[in-house]
PDB file of all heavy atoms in Angstrom:
ATOM      1  N   LEU A   1      90.709  21.929 101.478  1.00  0.00           N
ATOM      2  CA  LEU A   1      90.063  20.771 102.068  1.00  0.00           C
ATOM      3  C   LEU A   1      90.270  19.598 101.122  1.00  0.00           C
ATOM      4  O   LEU A   1      89.674  19.557 100.041  1.00  0.00           O
ATOM      5  CB  LEU A   1      88.571  21.007 102.303  1.00  0.00           C
ATOM      6  CG  LEU A   1      87.832  19.869 103.018  1.00  0.00           C
ATOM      7  CD1 LEU A   1      88.305  19.759 104.468  1.00  0.00           C
ATOM      8  CD2 LEU A   1      86.326  20.076 102.963  1.00  0.00           C
ATOM      9  N   GLN A   2      91.133  18.693 101.519  1.00  0.00           N
ATOM     10  CA  GLN A   2      91.348  17.481 100.752  1.00  0.00           C
ATOM     11  C   GLN A   2      90.308  16.462 101.175  1.00  0.00           C
ATOM     12  O   GLN A   2      90.213  16.111 102.348  1.00  0.00           O
ATOM     13  CB  GLN A   2      92.754  16.935 100.992  1.00  0.00           C
ATOM     14  CG  GLN A   2      93.056  15.644 100.247  1.00  0.00           C
ATOM     15  CD  GLN A   2      93.071  15.819  98.747  1.00  0.00           C
ATOM     16  OE1 GLN A   2      93.682  16.771  98.247  1.00  0.00           O
ATOM     17  NE2 GLN A   2      92.402  14.935  98.023  1.00  0.00           N
ATOM     18  N   MET A   3      89.531  15.990 100.228  1.00  0.00           N
ATOM     19  CA  MET A   3      88.455  15.063 100.507  1.00  0.00           C
ATOM     20  C   MET A   3      88.729  13.756  99.783  1.00  0.00           C
ATOM     21  O   MET A   3      88.771  13.716  98.550  1.00  0.00           O
ATOM     22  CB  MET A   3      87.111  15.639 100.075  1.00  0.00           C
ATOM     23  CG  MET A   3      86.808  17.011 100.674  1.00  0.00           C
ATOM     24  SD  MET A   3      85.148  17.600 100.266  1.00  0.00           S
ATOM     25  CE  MET A   3      85.311  17.784  98.490  1.00  0.00           C
ATOM     26  N   ASN A   4      88.914  12.710 100.544  1.00  0.00           N
ATOM     27  CA  ASN A   4      89.167  11.384  99.998  1.00  0.00           C
ATOM     28  C   ASN A   4      88.035  10.442 100.368  1.00  0.00           C
ATOM     29  O   ASN A   4      87.262  10.696 101.285  1.00  0.00           O
ATOM     30  CB  ASN A   4      90.493  10.833 100.524  1.00  0.00           C
ATOM     31  CG  ASN A   4      91.688  11.670 100.134  1.00  0.00           C
ATOM     32  OD1 ASN A   4      91.735  12.244  99.049  1.00  0.00           O
ATOM     33  ND2 ASN A   4      92.679  11.735 101.021  1.00  0.00           N
ATOM     34  N   SER A   5      87.965   9.350  99.655  1.00  0.00           N
ATOM     35  CA  SER A   5      86.952   8.328  99.919  1.00  0.00           C
ATOM     36  C   SER A   5      85.564   8.944 100.029  1.00  0.00           C
ATOM     37  O   SER A   5      84.810   8.672 100.971  1.00  0.00           O
ATOM     38  CB  SER A   5      87.306   7.552 101.194  1.00  0.00           C
ATOM     39  OG  SER A   5      88.578   6.941 101.083  1.00  0.00           O
ATOM     40  N   LEU A   6      85.232   9.750  99.067  1.00  0.00           N
ATOM     41  CA  LEU A   6      83.969  10.480  99.113  1.00  0.00           C
ATOM     42  C   LEU A   6      82.772   9.547  99.061  1.00  0.00           C
ATOM     43  O   LEU A   6      82.799   8.513  98.388  1.00  0.00           O
ATOM     44  CB  LEU A   6      83.903  11.484  97.976  1.00  0.00           C
ATOM     45  CG  LEU A   6      84.740  12.748  98.207  1.00  0.00           C
ATOM     46  CD1 LEU A   6      84.981  13.475  96.899  1.00  0.00           C
ATOM     47  CD2 LEU A   6      84.046  13.658  99.213  1.00  0.00           C
ATOM     48  N   LYS A   7      81.750   9.943  99.787  1.00  0.00           N
ATOM     49  CA  LYS A   7      80.508   9.192  99.869  1.00  0.00           C
ATOM     50  C   LYS A   7      79.360  10.048  99.368  1.00  0.00           C
ATOM     51  O   LYS A   7      79.433  11.276  99.408  1.00  0.00           O
ATOM     52  CB  LYS A   7      80.236   8.778 101.326  1.00  0.00           C
ATOM     53  CG  LYS A   7      81.355   7.990 101.978  1.00  0.00           C
ATOM     54  CD  LYS A   7      81.041   7.742 103.450  1.00  0.00           C
ATOM     55  CE  LYS A   7      82.146   6.964 104.130  1.00  0.00           C
ATOM     56  NZ  LYS A   7      81.854   6.734 105.569  1.00  0.00           N
ATOM     57  N   PRO A   8      78.277   9.431  98.912  1.00  0.00           N
ATOM     58  CA  PRO A   8      77.124  10.217  98.468  1.00  0.00           C
ATOM     59  C   PRO A   8      76.622  11.199  99.520  1.00  0.00           C
ATOM     60  O   PRO A   8      76.162  12.287  99.162  1.00  0.00           O
ATOM     61  CB  PRO A   8      76.074   9.151  98.150  1.00  0.00           C
ATOM     62  CG  PRO A   8      76.881   7.963  97.743  1.00  0.00           C
ATOM     63  CD  PRO A   8      78.090   7.991  98.639  1.00  0.00           C
ATOM     64  N   GLU A   9      76.708  10.837 100.783  1.00  0.00           N
ATOM     65  CA  GLU A   9      76.254  11.722 101.839  1.00  0.00           C
ATOM     66  C   GLU A   9      77.139  12.944 102.030  1.00  0.00           C
ATOM     67  O   GLU A   9      76.806  13.843 102.799  1.00  0.00           O
ATOM     68  CB  GLU A   9      76.110  10.969 103.172  1.00  0.00           C
ATOM     69  CG  GLU A   9      77.328  10.168 103.568  1.00  0.00           C
ATOM     70  CD  GLU A   9      77.215   8.702 103.200  1.00  0.00           C
ATOM     71  OE1 GLU A   9      76.762   8.407 102.072  1.00  0.00           O
ATOM     72  OE2 GLU A   9      77.570   7.848 104.035  1.00  0.00           O
ATOM     73  N   ASP A  10      78.272  12.987 101.340  1.00  0.00           N
ATOM     74  CA  ASP A  10      79.106  14.177 101.349  1.00  0.00           C
ATOM     75  C   ASP A  10      78.589  15.248 100.391  1.00  0.00           C
ATOM     76  O   ASP A  10      79.108  16.364 100.379  1.00  0.00           O
ATOM     77  CB  ASP A  10      80.547  13.830 100.972  1.00  0.00           C
ATOM     78  CG  ASP A  10      81.220  12.938 101.999  1.00  0.00           C
ATOM     79  OD1 ASP A  10      81.031  13.156 103.212  1.00  0.00           O
ATOM     80  OD2 ASP A  10      81.954  12.022 101.578  1.00  0.00           O
ATOM     81  N   THR A  11      77.605  14.907  99.599  1.00  0.00           N
ATOM     82  CA  THR A  11      77.042  15.852  98.648  1.00  0.00           C
ATOM     83  C   THR A  11      76.470  17.062  99.376  1.00  0.00           C
ATOM     84  O   THR A  11      75.628  16.929 100.258  1.00  0.00           O
ATOM     85  CB  THR A  11      75.952  15.183  97.808  1.00  0.00           C
ATOM     86  OG1 THR A  11      76.533  14.148  97.011  1.00  0.00           O
ATOM     87  CG2 THR A  11      75.282  16.191  96.886  1.00  0.00           C
ATOM     88  N   ALA A  12      76.938  18.232  99.001  1.00  0.00           N
ATOM     89  CA  ALA A  12      76.518  19.468  99.650  1.00  0.00           C
ATOM     90  C   ALA A  12      77.212  20.637  98.970  1.00  0.00           C
ATOM     91  O   ALA A  12      78.108  20.457  98.148  1.00  0.00           O
ATOM     92  CB  ALA A  12      76.869  19.451 101.139  1.00  0.00           C
ATOM     93  N   VAL A  13      76.785  21.828  99.337  1.00  0.00           N
ATOM     94  CA  VAL A  13      77.537  23.017  98.992  1.00  0.00           C
ATOM     95  C   VAL A  13      78.535  23.257 100.110  1.00  0.00           C
ATOM     96  O   VAL A  13      78.158  23.304 101.285  1.00  0.00           O
ATOM     97  CB  VAL A  13      76.633  24.247  98.812  1.00  0.00           C
ATOM     98  CG1 VAL A  13      77.464  25.489  98.519  1.00  0.00           C
ATOM     99  CG2 VAL A  13      75.634  24.001  97.685  1.00  0.00           C
ATOM    100  N   TYR A  14      79.773  23.390  99.746  1.00  0.00           N
ATOM    101  CA  TYR A  14      80.834  23.579 100.720  1.00  0.00           C
ATOM    102  C   TYR A  14      81.244  25.042 100.767  1.00  0.00           C
ATOM    103  O   TYR A  14      81.462  25.667  99.727  1.00  0.00           O
ATOM    104  CB  TYR A  14      82.036  22.696 100.374  1.00  0.00           C
ATOM    105  CG  TYR A  14      81.820  21.253 100.725  1.00  0.00           C
ATOM    106  CD1 TYR A  14      80.930  20.467 100.000  1.00  0.00           C
ATOM    107  CD2 TYR A  14      82.479  20.665 101.804  1.00  0.00           C
ATOM    108  CE1 TYR A  14      80.705  19.141 100.333  1.00  0.00           C
ATOM    109  CE2 TYR A  14      82.266  19.338 102.139  1.00  0.00           C
ATOM    110  CZ  TYR A  14      81.379  18.584 101.399  1.00  0.00           C
ATOM    111  OH  TYR A  14      81.168  17.263 101.736  1.00  0.00           O
ATOM    112  N   TYR A  15      81.357  25.553 101.981  1.00  0.00           N
ATOM    113  CA  TYR A  15      81.665  26.953 102.199  1.00  0.00           C
ATOM    114  C   TYR A  15      82.936  27.118 103.006  1.00  0.00           C
ATOM    115  O   TYR A  15      83.143  26.420 103.999  1.00  0.00           O
ATOM    116  CB  TYR A  15      80.537  27.656 102.960  1.00  0.00           C
ATOM    117  CG  TYR A  15      79.211  27.677 102.251  1.00  0.00           C
ATOM    118  CD1 TYR A  15      78.290  26.654 102.424  1.00  0.00           C
ATOM    119  CD2 TYR A  15      78.871  28.734 101.411  1.00  0.00           C
ATOM    120  CE1 TYR A  15      77.067  26.672 101.785  1.00  0.00           C
ATOM    121  CE2 TYR A  15      77.654  28.762 100.768  1.00  0.00           C
ATOM    122  CZ  TYR A  15      76.752  27.730 100.957  1.00  0.00           C
ATOM    123  OH  TYR A  15      75.536  27.757 100.326  1.00  0.00           O
ATOM    124  N   CYS A  16      83.743  28.035 102.589  1.00  0.00           N
ATOM    125  CA  CYS A  16      84.921  28.419 103.349  1.00  0.00           C
ATOM    126  C   CYS A  16      84.533  29.496 104.344  1.00  0.00           C
ATOM    127  O   CYS A  16      83.699  30.363 104.052  1.00  0.00           O
ATOM    128  CB  CYS A  16      86.001  28.928 102.394  1.00  0.00           C
ATOM    129  SG  CYS A  16      87.569  29.345 103.179  1.00  0.00           S
ATOM    130  N   ASN A  17      85.108  29.433 105.514  1.00  0.00           N
ATOM    131  CA  ASN A  17      84.820  30.400 106.561  1.00  0.00           C
ATOM    132  C   ASN A  17      86.111  30.835 107.231  1.00  0.00           C
ATOM    133  O   ASN A  17      86.961  30.009 107.560  1.00  0.00           O
ATOM    134  CB  ASN A  17      83.869  29.795 107.594  1.00  0.00           C
ATOM    135  CG  ASN A  17      83.645  30.689 108.797  1.00  0.00           C
ATOM    136  OD1 ASN A  17      84.207  30.465 109.870  1.00  0.00           O
ATOM    137  ND2 ASN A  17      82.818  31.708 108.627  1.00  0.00           N
ATOM    138  N   VAL A  18      86.236  32.130 107.423  1.00  0.00           N
ATOM    139  CA  VAL A  18      87.396  32.690 108.106  1.00  0.00           C
ATOM    140  C   VAL A  18      86.909  33.579 109.231  1.00  0.00           C
ATOM    141  O   VAL A  18      86.028  34.414 109.024  1.00  0.00           O
ATOM    142  CB  VAL A  18      88.285  33.505 107.143  1.00  0.00           C
ATOM    143  CG1 VAL A  18      89.426  34.165 107.906  1.00  0.00           C
ATOM    144  CG2 VAL A  18      88.830  32.614 106.041  1.00  0.00           C
ATOM    145  N   VAL A  19      87.469  33.387 110.398  1.00  0.00           N
ATOM    146  CA  VAL A  19      87.142  34.220 111.544  1.00  0.00           C
ATOM    147  C   VAL A  19      88.329  35.109 111.853  1.00  0.00           C
ATOM    148  O   VAL A  19      89.438  34.620 112.093  1.00  0.00           O
ATOM    149  CB  VAL A  19      86.771  33.382 112.778  1.00  0.00           C
ATOM    150  CG1 VAL A  19      86.487  34.298 113.966  1.00  0.00           C
ATOM    151  CG2 VAL A  19      85.563  32.512 112.482  1.00  0.00           C
ATOM    152  N   ILE A  20      88.085  36.406 111.828  1.00  0.00           N
ATOM    153  CA  ILE A  20      89.090  37.391 112.171  1.00  0.00           C
ATOM    154  C   ILE A  20      88.552  38.185 113.348  1.00  0.00           C
ATOM    155  O   ILE A  20      87.545  38.880 113.218  1.00  0.00           O
ATOM    156  CB  ILE A  20      89.404  38.321 110.983  1.00  0.00           C
ATOM    157  CG1 ILE A  20      89.852  37.497 109.779  1.00  0.00           C
ATOM    158  CG2 ILE A  20      90.461  39.344 111.373  1.00  0.00           C
ATOM    159  CD1 ILE A  20      90.020  38.306 108.517  1.00  0.00           C
ATOM    160  N   HIS A  21      89.213  38.051 114.458  1.00  0.00           N
ATOM    161  CA  HIS A  21      88.718  38.594 115.725  1.00  0.00           C
ATOM    162  C   HIS A  21      87.365  37.943 116.007  1.00  0.00           C
ATOM    163  O   HIS A  21      87.306  36.732 116.208  1.00  0.00           O
ATOM    164  CB  HIS A  21      88.669  40.120 115.674  1.00  0.00           C
ATOM    165  CG  HIS A  21      90.003  40.746 115.460  1.00  0.00           C
ATOM    166  ND1 HIS A  21      90.209  41.769 114.563  1.00  0.00           N
ATOM    167  CD2 HIS A  21      91.206  40.479 116.016  1.00  0.00           C
ATOM    168  CE1 HIS A  21      91.484  42.105 114.585  1.00  0.00           C
ATOM    169  NE2 HIS A  21      92.110  41.338 115.453  1.00  0.00           N
ATOM    170  N   THR A  22      86.304  38.705 115.994  1.00  0.00           N
ATOM    171  CA  THR A  22      84.987  38.141 116.248  1.00  0.00           C
ATOM    172  C   THR A  22      84.100  38.126 115.011  1.00  0.00           C
ATOM    173  O   THR A  22      82.919  37.785 115.095  1.00  0.00           O
ATOM    174  CB  THR A  22      84.267  38.902 117.370  1.00  0.00           C
ATOM    175  OG1 THR A  22      84.122  40.278 117.001  1.00  0.00           O
ATOM    176  CG2 THR A  22      85.053  38.802 118.670  1.00  0.00           C
ATOM    177  N   SER A  23      84.659  38.479 113.869  1.00  0.00           N
ATOM    178  CA  SER A  23      83.890  38.547 112.638  1.00  0.00           C
ATOM    179  C   SER A  23      84.149  37.342 111.760  1.00  0.00           C
ATOM    180  O   SER A  23      85.302  36.951 111.559  1.00  0.00           O
ATOM    181  CB  SER A  23      84.221  39.827 111.868  1.00  0.00           C
ATOM    182  OG  SER A  23      83.899  40.975 112.628  1.00  0.00           O
ATOM    183  N   GLY A  24      83.072  36.775 111.250  1.00  0.00           N
ATOM    184  CA  GLY A  24      83.175  35.654 110.354  1.00  0.00           C
ATOM    185  C   GLY A  24      82.878  36.054 108.925  1.00  0.00           C
ATOM    186  O   GLY A  24      82.004  36.882 108.670  1.00  0.00           O
ATOM    187  N   TYR A  25      83.602  35.465 107.996  1.00  0.00           N
ATOM    188  CA  TYR A  25      83.437  35.770 106.584  1.00  0.00           C
ATOM    189  C   TYR A  25      83.229  34.476 105.820  1.00  0.00           C
ATOM    190  O   TYR A  25      83.855  33.452 106.117  1.00  0.00           O
ATOM    191  CB  TYR A  25      84.654  36.515 106.043  1.00  0.00           C
ATOM    192  CG  TYR A  25      84.918  37.816 106.768  1.00  0.00           C
ATOM    193  CD1 TYR A  25      85.722  37.842 107.893  1.00  0.00           C
ATOM    194  CD2 TYR A  25      84.348  39.007 106.338  1.00  0.00           C
ATOM    195  CE1 TYR A  25      85.957  39.021 108.581  1.00  0.00           C
ATOM    196  CE2 TYR A  25      84.578  40.189 107.014  1.00  0.00           C
ATOM    197  CZ  TYR A  25      85.381  40.197 108.133  1.00  0.00           C
ATOM    198  OH  TYR A  25      85.605  41.371 108.809  1.00  0.00           O
ATOM    199  N   TRP A  26      82.361  34.543 104.838  1.00  0.00           N
ATOM    200  CA  TRP A  26      81.971  33.355 104.082  1.00  0.00           C
ATOM    201  C   TRP A  26      82.227  33.527 102.601  1.00  0.00           C
ATOM    202  O   TRP A  26      82.093  34.621 102.051  1.00  0.00           O
ATOM    203  CB  TRP A  26      80.482  33.060 104.273  1.00  0.00           C
ATOM    204  CG  TRP A  26      80.109  32.721 105.679  1.00  0.00           C
ATOM    205  CD1 TRP A  26      79.711  33.583 106.653  1.00  0.00           C
ATOM    206  CD2 TRP A  26      80.078  31.416 106.264  1.00  0.00           C
ATOM    207  NE1 TRP A  26      79.445  32.901 107.812  1.00  0.00           N
ATOM    208  CE2 TRP A  26      79.662  31.570 107.604  1.00  0.00           C
ATOM    209  CE3 TRP A  26      80.366  30.140 105.788  1.00  0.00           C
ATOM    210  CZ2 TRP A  26      79.520  30.492 108.469  1.00  0.00           C
ATOM    211  CZ3 TRP A  26      80.233  29.066 106.650  1.00  0.00           C
ATOM    212  CH2 TRP A  26      79.813  29.247 107.963  1.00  0.00           C
TER     213      TRP A  26
END
């Protein structure tokens, strides 16, 4: 995830998610 022009409201914990078939992984 390339993040440019960051703003204070972008502050957060960022999580990667992958969906394989119907299962999600974090």
